[in-house]
PDB file of N, CA and C in Angstrom:
ATOM      1  N   MET A   1      90.878   6.636   3.570  1.00  0.00           N
ATOM      2  CA  MET A   1      89.835   6.464   2.581  1.00  0.00           C
ATOM      3  C   MET A   1      89.466   4.986   2.480  1.00  0.00           C
ATOM      4  N   PRO A   2      88.179   4.711   2.385  1.00  0.00           N
ATOM      5  CA  PRO A   2      87.739   3.312   2.260  1.00  0.00           C
ATOM      6  C   PRO A   2      87.896   2.779   0.842  1.00  0.00           C
ATOM      7  N   ILE A   3      87.936   1.475   0.735  1.00  0.00           N
ATOM      8  CA  ILE A   3      87.971   0.795  -0.557  1.00  0.00           C
ATOM      9  C   ILE A   3      86.551   0.309  -0.846  1.00  0.00           C
ATOM     10  N   TYR A   4      86.042   0.675  -2.005  1.00  0.00           N
ATOM     11  CA  TYR A   4      84.702   0.260  -2.410  1.00  0.00           C
ATOM     12  C   TYR A   4      84.800  -0.783  -3.511  1.00  0.00           C
ATOM     13  N   GLU A   5      83.831  -1.680  -3.543  1.00  0.00           N
ATOM     14  CA  GLU A   5      83.768  -2.715  -4.566  1.00  0.00           C
ATOM     15  C   GLU A   5      82.677  -2.347  -5.557  1.00  0.00           C
ATOM     16  N   TYR A   6      82.964  -2.576  -6.837  1.00  0.00           N
ATOM     17  CA  TYR A   6      82.027  -2.257  -7.901  1.00  0.00           C
ATOM     18  C   TYR A   6      81.887  -3.445  -8.837  1.00  0.00           C
ATOM     19  N   ARG A   7      80.787  -3.478  -9.572  1.00  0.00           N
ATOM     20  CA  ARG A   7      80.562  -4.484 -10.612  1.00  0.00           C
ATOM     21  C   ARG A   7      80.079  -3.762 -11.852  1.00  0.00           C
ATOM     22  N   CYS A   8      80.713  -4.040 -12.975  1.00  0.00           N
ATOM     23  CA  CYS A   8      80.391  -3.405 -14.238  1.00  0.00           C
ATOM     24  C   CYS A   8      79.099  -3.994 -14.803  1.00  0.00           C
ATOM     25  N   ARG A   9      78.162  -3.152 -15.210  1.00  0.00           N
ATOM     26  CA  ARG A   9      76.913  -3.619 -15.814  1.00  0.00           C
ATOM     27  C   ARG A   9      77.135  -4.140 -17.234  1.00  0.00           C
ATOM     28  N   GLN A  10      78.150  -3.628 -17.900  1.00  0.00           N
ATOM     29  CA  GLN A  10      78.411  -3.982 -19.298  1.00  0.00           C
ATOM     30  C   GLN A  10      79.081  -5.361 -19.431  1.00  0.00           C
ATOM     31  N   CYS A  11      80.213  -5.556 -18.743  1.00  0.00           N
ATOM     32  CA  CYS A  11      80.984  -6.800 -18.921  1.00  0.00           C
ATOM     33  C   CYS A  11      80.961  -7.717 -17.697  1.00  0.00           C
ATOM     34  N   GLY A  12      80.429  -7.240 -16.566  1.00  0.00           N
ATOM     35  CA  GLY A  12      80.321  -8.071 -15.371  1.00  0.00           C
ATOM     36  C   GLY A  12      81.574  -8.124 -14.509  1.00  0.00           C
ATOM     37  N   ALA A  13      82.609  -7.365 -14.891  1.00  0.00           N
ATOM     38  CA  ALA A  13      83.857  -7.368 -14.119  1.00  0.00           C
ATOM     39  C   ALA A  13      83.630  -6.793 -12.721  1.00  0.00           C
ATOM     40  N   LYS A  14      84.320  -7.372 -11.755  1.00  0.00           N
ATOM     41  CA  LYS A  14      84.293  -6.858 -10.388  1.00  0.00           C
ATOM     42  C   LYS A  14      85.631  -6.205 -10.114  1.00  0.00           C
ATOM     43  N   PHE A  15      85.611  -5.012  -9.499  1.00  0.00           N
ATOM     44  CA  PHE A  15      86.846  -4.308  -9.209  1.00  0.00           C
ATOM     45  C   PHE A  15      86.686  -3.447  -7.972  1.00  0.00           C
ATOM     46  N   GLU A  16      87.801  -3.021  -7.415  1.00  0.00           N
ATOM     47  CA  GLU A  16      87.826  -2.202  -6.204  1.00  0.00           C
ATOM     48  C   GLU A  16      88.392  -0.837  -6.526  1.00  0.00           C
ATOM     49  N   LYS A  17      87.974   0.159  -5.766  1.00  0.00           N
ATOM     50  CA  LYS A  17      88.446   1.520  -5.974  1.00  0.00           C
ATOM     51  C   LYS A  17      88.594   2.205  -4.618  1.00  0.00           C
ATOM     52  N   LEU A  18      89.733   2.832  -4.406  1.00  0.00           N
ATOM     53  CA  LEU A  18      89.985   3.604  -3.191  1.00  0.00           C
ATOM     54  C   LEU A  18      89.431   5.000  -3.414  1.00  0.00           C
ATOM     55  N   ARG A  19      88.413   5.393  -2.641  1.00  0.00           N
ATOM     56  CA  ARG A  19      87.745   6.680  -2.846  1.00  0.00           C
ATOM     57  C   ARG A  19      87.323   7.291  -1.526  1.00  0.00           C
ATOM     58  N   ARG A  20      87.083   8.591  -1.569  1.00  0.00           N
ATOM     59  CA  ARG A  20      86.503   9.274  -0.411  1.00  0.00           C
ATOM     60  C   ARG A  20      85.050   8.826  -0.272  1.00  0.00           C
ATOM     61  N   MET A  21      84.538   8.869   0.937  1.00  0.00           N
ATOM     62  CA  MET A  21      83.146   8.456   1.166  1.00  0.00           C
ATOM     63  C   MET A  21      82.181   9.306   0.345  1.00  0.00           C
ATOM     64  N   SER A  22      82.482  10.580   0.183  1.00  0.00           N
ATOM     65  CA  SER A  22      81.610  11.475  -0.579  1.00  0.00           C
ATOM     66  C   SER A  22      81.603  11.146  -2.070  1.00  0.00           C
ATOM     67  N   GLU A  23      82.565  10.357  -2.550  1.00  0.00           N
ATOM     68  CA  GLU A  23      82.662   9.998  -3.962  1.00  0.00           C
ATOM     69  C   GLU A  23      82.183   8.575  -4.244  1.00  0.00           C
ATOM     70  N   ALA A  24      81.710   7.878  -3.232  1.00  0.00           N
ATOM     71  CA  ALA A  24      81.389   6.452  -3.343  1.00  0.00           C
ATOM     72  C   ALA A  24      80.386   6.132  -4.439  1.00  0.00           C
ATOM     73  N   ASP A  25      79.392   6.994  -4.663  1.00  0.00           N
ATOM     74  CA  ASP A  25      78.344   6.704  -5.635  1.00  0.00           C
ATOM     75  C   ASP A  25      78.522   7.437  -6.962  1.00  0.00           C
ATOM     76  N   GLN A  26      79.651   8.105  -7.148  1.00  0.00           N
ATOM     77  CA  GLN A  26      79.902   8.772  -8.421  1.00  0.00           C
ATOM     78  C   GLN A  26      80.222   7.741  -9.506  1.00  0.00           C
ATOM     79  N   LEU A  27      80.087   8.149 -10.765  1.00  0.00           N
ATOM     80  CA  LEU A  27      80.405   7.257 -11.877  1.00  0.00           C
ATOM     81  C   LEU A  27      81.825   6.736 -11.743  1.00  0.00           C
ATOM     82  N   THR A  28      81.986   5.453 -12.022  1.00  0.00           N
ATOM     83  CA  THR A  28      83.281   4.795 -11.895  1.00  0.00           C
ATOM     84  C   THR A  28      83.573   4.021 -13.164  1.00  0.00           C
ATOM     85  N   GLU A  29      84.726   4.257 -13.753  1.00  0.00           N
ATOM     86  CA  GLU A  29      85.100   3.587 -14.994  1.00  0.00           C
ATOM     87  C   GLU A  29      85.589   2.172 -14.735  1.00  0.00           C
ATOM     88  N   CYS A  30      85.058   1.236 -15.515  1.00  0.00           N
ATOM     89  CA  CYS A  30      85.487  -0.154 -15.433  1.00  0.00           C
ATOM     90  C   CYS A  30      86.890  -0.281 -16.024  1.00  0.00           C
ATOM     91  N   PRO A  31      87.832  -0.866 -15.296  1.00  0.00           N
ATOM     92  CA  PRO A  31      89.187  -1.011 -15.820  1.00  0.00           C
ATOM     93  C   PRO A  31      89.296  -2.032 -16.951  1.00  0.00           C
ATOM     94  N   LYS A  32      88.286  -2.889 -17.111  1.00  0.00           N
ATOM     95  CA  LYS A  32      88.332  -3.920 -18.150  1.00  0.00           C
ATOM     96  C   LYS A  32      87.790  -3.412 -19.490  1.00  0.00           C
ATOM     97  N   CYS A  33      86.599  -2.801 -19.483  1.00  0.00           N
ATOM     98  CA  CYS A  33      85.978  -2.399 -20.743  1.00  0.00           C
ATOM     99  C   CYS A  33      85.878  -0.885 -20.934  1.00  0.00           C
ATOM    100  N   GLY A  34      86.109  -0.106 -19.874  1.00  0.00           N
ATOM    101  CA  GLY A  34      86.131   1.347 -19.979  1.00  0.00           C
ATOM    102  C   GLY A  34      84.791   2.048 -19.839  1.00  0.00           C
ATOM    103  N   THR A  35      83.695   1.307 -19.738  1.00  0.00           N
ATOM    104  CA  THR A  35      82.394   1.940 -19.579  1.00  0.00           C
ATOM    105  C   THR A  35      82.262   2.527 -18.176  1.00  0.00           C
ATOM    106  N   GLN A  36      81.372   3.494 -18.016  1.00  0.00           N
ATOM    107  CA  GLN A  36      81.136   4.075 -16.700  1.00  0.00           C
ATOM    108  C   GLN A  36      79.817   3.585 -16.119  1.00  0.00           C
ATOM    109  N   GLU A  37      79.392   2.411 -16.528  1.00  0.00           N
ATOM    110  CA  GLU A  37      78.159   1.805 -16.040  1.00  0.00           C
ATOM    111  C   GLU A  37      78.488   0.734 -15.006  1.00  0.00           C
ATOM    112  N   SER A  38      78.762   1.164 -13.784  1.00  0.00           N
ATOM    113  CA  SER A  38      79.081   0.208 -12.720  1.00  0.00           C
ATOM    114  C   SER A  38      78.238   0.509 -11.494  1.00  0.00           C
ATOM    115  N   ASP A  39      78.007  -0.507 -10.716  1.00  0.00           N
ATOM    116  CA  ASP A  39      77.221  -0.387  -9.488  1.00  0.00           C
ATOM    117  C   ASP A  39      78.092  -0.728  -8.293  1.00  0.00           C
ATOM    118  N   ARG A  40      77.945   0.051  -7.230  1.00  0.00           N
ATOM    119  CA  ARG A  40      78.678  -0.244  -6.004  1.00  0.00           C
ATOM    120  C   ARG A  40      78.054  -1.475  -5.368  1.00  0.00           C
ATOM    121  N   GLN A  41      78.890  -2.379  -4.896  1.00  0.00           N
ATOM    122  CA  GLN A  41      78.450  -3.635  -4.309  1.00  0.00           C
ATOM    123  C   GLN A  41      78.513  -3.575  -2.785  1.00  0.00           C
ATOM    124  N   LEU A  42      77.739  -4.403  -2.156  1.00  0.00           N
ATOM    125  CA  LEU A  42      77.785  -4.549  -0.710  1.00  0.00           C
ATOM    126  C   LEU A  42      79.025  -5.369  -0.366  1.00  0.00           C
ATOM    127  N   SER A  43      79.892  -4.827   0.451  1.00  0.00           N
ATOM    128  CA  SER A  43      81.154  -5.496   0.778  1.00  0.00           C
ATOM    129  C   SER A  43      81.032  -6.320   2.041  1.00  0.00           C
ATOM    130  N   CYS A  44      81.741  -7.416   2.054  1.00  0.00           N
ATOM    131  CA  CYS A  44      81.866  -8.246   3.243  1.00  0.00           C
ATOM    132  C   CYS A  44      83.310  -8.162   3.711  1.00  0.00           C
ATOM    133  N   PHE A  45      83.518  -8.199   4.986  1.00  0.00           N
ATOM    134  CA  PHE A  45      84.879  -8.163   5.486  1.00  0.00           C
ATOM    135  C   PHE A  45      85.040  -9.167   6.606  1.00  0.00           C
ATOM    136  N   ALA A  46      86.274  -9.550   6.844  1.00  0.00           N
ATOM    137  CA  ALA A  46      86.574 -10.537   7.879  1.00  0.00           C
ATOM    138  C   ALA A  46      87.362  -9.871   8.992  1.00  0.00           C
ATOM    139  N   THR A  47      87.187 -10.393  10.181  1.00  0.00           N
ATOM    140  CA  THR A  47      87.983  -9.918  11.309  1.00  0.00           C
ATOM    141  C   THR A  47      88.760 -11.092  11.866  1.00  0.00           C
ATOM    142  N   GLY A  48      89.910 -10.803  12.379  1.00  0.00           N
ATOM    143  CA  GLY A  48      90.736 -11.854  12.966  1.00  0.00           C
ATOM    144  C   GLY A  48      90.649 -11.809  14.473  1.00  0.00           C
ATOM    145  N   GLY A  49      90.891 -12.917  15.073  1.00  0.00           N
ATOM    146  CA  GLY A  49      90.881 -12.995  16.525  1.00  0.00           C
ATOM    147  C   GLY A  49      91.959 -13.951  16.987  1.00  0.00           C
ATOM    148  N   CYS A  50      92.134 -14.008  18.265  1.00  0.00           N
ATOM    149  CA  CYS A  50      93.185 -14.860  18.792  1.00  0.00           C
ATOM    150  C   CYS A  50      92.713 -16.315  18.931  1.00  0.00           C
ATOM    151  N   GLY A  51      91.433 -16.562  18.696  1.00  0.00           N
ATOM    152  CA  GLY A  51      90.946 -17.936  18.755  1.00  0.00           C
ATOM    153  C   GLY A  51      90.603 -18.423  20.164  1.00  0.00           C
ATOM    154  N   THR A  52      90.649 -17.542  21.135  1.00  0.00           N
ATOM    155  CA  THR A  52      90.293 -17.919  22.495  1.00  0.00           C
ATOM    156  C   THR A  52      89.084 -17.097  22.931  1.00  0.00           C
ATOM    157  N   THR A  53      88.513 -17.464  24.042  1.00  0.00           N
ATOM    158  CA  THR A  53      87.372 -16.731  24.568  1.00  0.00           C
ATOM    159  C   THR A  53      87.810 -15.615  25.478  1.00  0.00           C
ATOM    160  N   GLY A  54      89.091 -15.400  25.636  1.00  0.00           N
ATOM    161  CA  GLY A  54      89.584 -14.314  26.459  1.00  0.00           C
ATOM    162  C   GLY A  54      89.346 -14.523  27.947  1.00  0.00           C
ATOM    163  N   GLY A  55      89.208 -15.761  28.361  1.00  0.00           N
ATOM    164  CA  GLY A  55      89.013 -16.053  29.774  1.00  0.00           C
ATOM    165  C   GLY A  55      87.557 -16.138  30.182  1.00  0.00           C
ATOM    166  N   PHE A  56      86.634 -15.830  29.259  1.00  0.00           N
ATOM    167  CA  PHE A  56      85.223 -15.895  29.578  1.00  0.00           C
ATOM    168  C   PHE A  56      84.680 -17.244  29.131  1.00  0.00           C
ATOM    169  N   THR A  57      83.818 -17.821  29.917  1.00  0.00           N
ATOM    170  CA  THR A  57      83.217 -19.096  29.576  1.00  0.00           C
ATOM    171  C   THR A  57      81.723 -19.015  29.611  1.00  0.00           C
TER     172      THR A  57
END
C-alpha cells in the first residue's frame, strides 16, 4: 500500500496516511484537529544511486 500525504484545510497540518490506492481520495481525519477537511498533496520522492555513471561517458 502506498503512503499518501495530506494537508488539513482547517489547521494547515501536514500528515501521511498508509492507504489502498482505491481509498486515496476518501475523507481523511486530521490527527491534529480531528476535522475531515483535508486535501491529498502531490508527493515528491527521492531515489538513491551509486554516484557513478555506470561505465557510460
